C-alpha atoms as a PDB file:
ATOM      1  CA  UNK A   1      67.286  55.335  23.795  1.00  0.00           C
ATOM      2  CA  UNK A   2      67.231  54.591  27.627  1.00  0.00           C
ATOM      3  CA  UNK A   3      69.850  53.077  29.532  1.00  0.00           C
ATOM      4  CA  UNK A   4      69.291  51.589  32.701  1.00  0.00           C
ATOM      5  CA  UNK A   5      72.451  50.291  34.960  1.00  0.00           C
ATOM      6  CA  UNK A   6      72.027  48.738  38.005  1.00  0.00           C
ATOM      7  CA  UNK A   7      68.448  49.057  38.307  1.00  0.00           C
ATOM      8  CA  UNK A   8      65.894  46.502  39.993  1.00  0.00           C
ATOM      9  CA  UNK A   9      61.969  46.681  38.778  1.00  0.00           C
ATOM     10  CA  UNK A  10      60.428  43.780  40.139  1.00  0.00           C
ATOM     11  CA  UNK A  11      56.845  42.970  40.120  1.00  0.00           C
ATOM     12  CA  UNK A  12      56.485  45.051  36.984  1.00  0.00           C
ATOM     13  CA  UNK A  13      54.206  45.025  33.888  1.00  0.00           C
ATOM     14  CA  UNK A  14      55.331  45.992  30.439  1.00  0.00           C
ATOM     15  CA  UNK A  15      52.062  46.106  28.017  1.00  0.00           C
ATOM     16  CA  UNK A  16      52.599  46.525  24.159  1.00  0.00           C
ATOM     17  CA  UNK A  17      56.315  47.272  24.268  1.00  0.00           C
ATOM     18  CA  UNK A  18      58.478  47.165  21.393  1.00  0.00           C
ATOM     19  CA  UNK A  19      62.036  46.075  22.804  1.00  0.00           C
ATOM     20  CA  UNK A  20      63.363  45.109  19.538  1.00  0.00           C
ATOM     21  CA  UNK A  21      67.268  45.355  19.075  1.00  0.00           C
ATOM     22  CA  UNK A  22      67.545  46.047  22.855  1.00  0.00           C
ATOM     23  CA  UNK A  23      70.058  44.165  24.823  1.00  0.00           C
ATOM     24  CA  UNK A  24      69.658  42.731  28.242  1.00  0.00           C
ATOM     25  CA  UNK A  25      72.785  41.813  30.267  1.00  0.00           C
ATOM     26  CA  UNK A  26      73.700  40.105  33.282  1.00  0.00           C
ATOM     27  CA  UNK A  27      69.683  40.236  34.259  1.00  0.00           C
ATOM     28  CA  UNK A  28      67.749  38.137  36.934  1.00  0.00           C
ATOM     29  CA  UNK A  29      64.444  37.058  35.060  1.00  0.00           C
ATOM     30  CA  UNK A  30      63.408  34.310  37.456  1.00  0.00           C
ATOM     31  CA  UNK A  31      60.277  33.462  37.672  1.00  0.00           C
ATOM     32  CA  UNK A  32      59.262  35.722  35.139  1.00  0.00           C
ATOM     33  CA  UNK A  33      55.870  35.217  32.456  1.00  0.00           C
ATOM     34  CA  UNK A  34      56.230  36.195  28.900  1.00  0.00           C
ATOM     35  CA  UNK A  35      52.729  35.520  27.065  1.00  0.00           C
ATOM     36  CA  UNK A  36      52.079  36.457  23.348  1.00  0.00           C
ATOM     37  CA  UNK A  37      55.920  37.215  22.930  1.00  0.00           C
ATOM     38  CA  UNK A  38      57.641  37.602  19.420  1.00  0.00           C
ATOM     39  CA  UNK A  39      61.007  36.405  19.841  1.00  0.00           C
ATOM     40  CA  UNK A  40      62.327  35.234  16.041  1.00  0.00           C
ATOM     41  CA  UNK A  41      65.466  36.228  15.481  1.00  0.00           C
ATOM     42  CA  UNK A  42      66.633  36.201  19.037  1.00  0.00           C
ATOM     43  CA  UNK A  43      69.844  35.582  20.339  1.00  0.00           C
ATOM     44  CA  UNK A  44      70.812  33.805  24.131  1.00  0.00           C
ATOM     45  CA  UNK A  45      73.810  33.034  25.122  1.00  0.00           C
ATOM     46  CA  UNK A  46      75.189  31.252  28.651  1.00  0.00           C
ATOM     47  CA  UNK A  47      71.922  31.065  29.890  1.00  0.00           C
ATOM     48  CA  UNK A  48      70.701  29.083  33.079  1.00  0.00           C
ATOM     49  CA  UNK A  49      67.599  27.221  31.651  1.00  0.00           C
ATOM     50  CA  UNK A  50      66.723  24.719  34.374  1.00  0.00           C
ATOM     51  CA  UNK A  51      63.263  24.370  35.238  1.00  0.00           C
ATOM     52  CA  UNK A  52      62.109  26.488  32.511  1.00  0.00           C
ATOM     53  CA  UNK A  53      58.995  25.614  30.563  1.00  0.00           C
ATOM     54  CA  UNK A  54      58.063  26.483  26.911  1.00  0.00           C
ATOM     55  CA  UNK A  55      54.167  25.472  25.944  1.00  0.00           C
ATOM     56  CA  UNK A  56      52.688  26.017  22.703  1.00  0.00           C
ATOM     57  CA  UNK A  57      55.718  27.095  20.754  1.00  0.00           C
ATOM     58  CA  UNK A  58      56.803  27.793  17.029  1.00  0.00           C
ATOM     59  CA  UNK A  59      59.784  25.924  16.905  1.00  0.00           C
ATOM     60  CA  UNK A  60      60.900  26.191  13.554  1.00  0.00           C
ATOM     61  CA  UNK A  61      64.523  27.066  12.829  1.00  0.00           C
ATOM     62  CA  UNK A  62      65.043  26.939  16.450  1.00  0.00           C
ATOM     63  CA  UNK A  63      68.628  25.325  17.595  1.00  0.00           C
ATOM     64  CA  UNK A  64      70.498  24.792  20.575  1.00  0.00           C
ATOM     65  CA  UNK A  65      74.185  24.882  21.053  1.00  0.00           C
ATOM     66  CA  UNK A  66      73.484  24.543  16.386  1.00  0.00           C
ATOM     67  CA  UNK A  67      71.292  21.513  16.816  1.00  0.00           C
ATOM     68  CA  UNK A  68      67.918  21.674  15.250  1.00  0.00           C
ATOM     69  CA  UNK A  69      65.062  21.544  17.895  1.00  0.00           C
ATOM     70  CA  UNK A  70      62.923  19.704  15.600  1.00  0.00           C
ATOM     71  CA  UNK A  71      65.188  17.517  14.638  1.00  0.00           C
ATOM     72  CA  UNK A  72      65.457  16.562  18.045  1.00  0.00           C
ATOM     73  CA  UNK A  73      61.653  16.348  18.778  1.00  0.00           C
ATOM     74  CA  UNK A  74      61.573  13.940  15.744  1.00  0.00           C
ATOM     75  CA  UNK A  75      64.317  11.746  16.955  1.00  0.00           C
ATOM     76  CA  UNK A  76      62.928  11.540  20.411  1.00  0.00           C
ATOM     77  CA  UNK A  77      59.429  10.902  18.808  1.00  0.00           C
ATOM     78  CA  UNK A  78      61.132   7.911  16.988  1.00  0.00           C
ATOM     79  CA  UNK A  79      62.489   6.165  20.076  1.00  0.00           C
ATOM     80  CA  UNK A  80      59.566   6.526  22.220  1.00  0.00           C
ATOM     81  CA  UNK A  81      57.665   4.582  19.840  1.00  0.00           C
END
């Protein structure tokens, strides 16, 4: 186990890294790029996602505040018709 407290590691690159069962608290990920990432089973609490962009994502089973994202997209598509 590695514990880092009050550390700054800007402009870093992490490749082929396994962070399963890790915990991140009070983290600044502003302007970070995640590419080819498996986030299945991840729980995100108290997060600011303003101006966040998600593209080419498998959203099956994903919920936001208990609401299925797939259902939200389906409802949106119905309204757009």
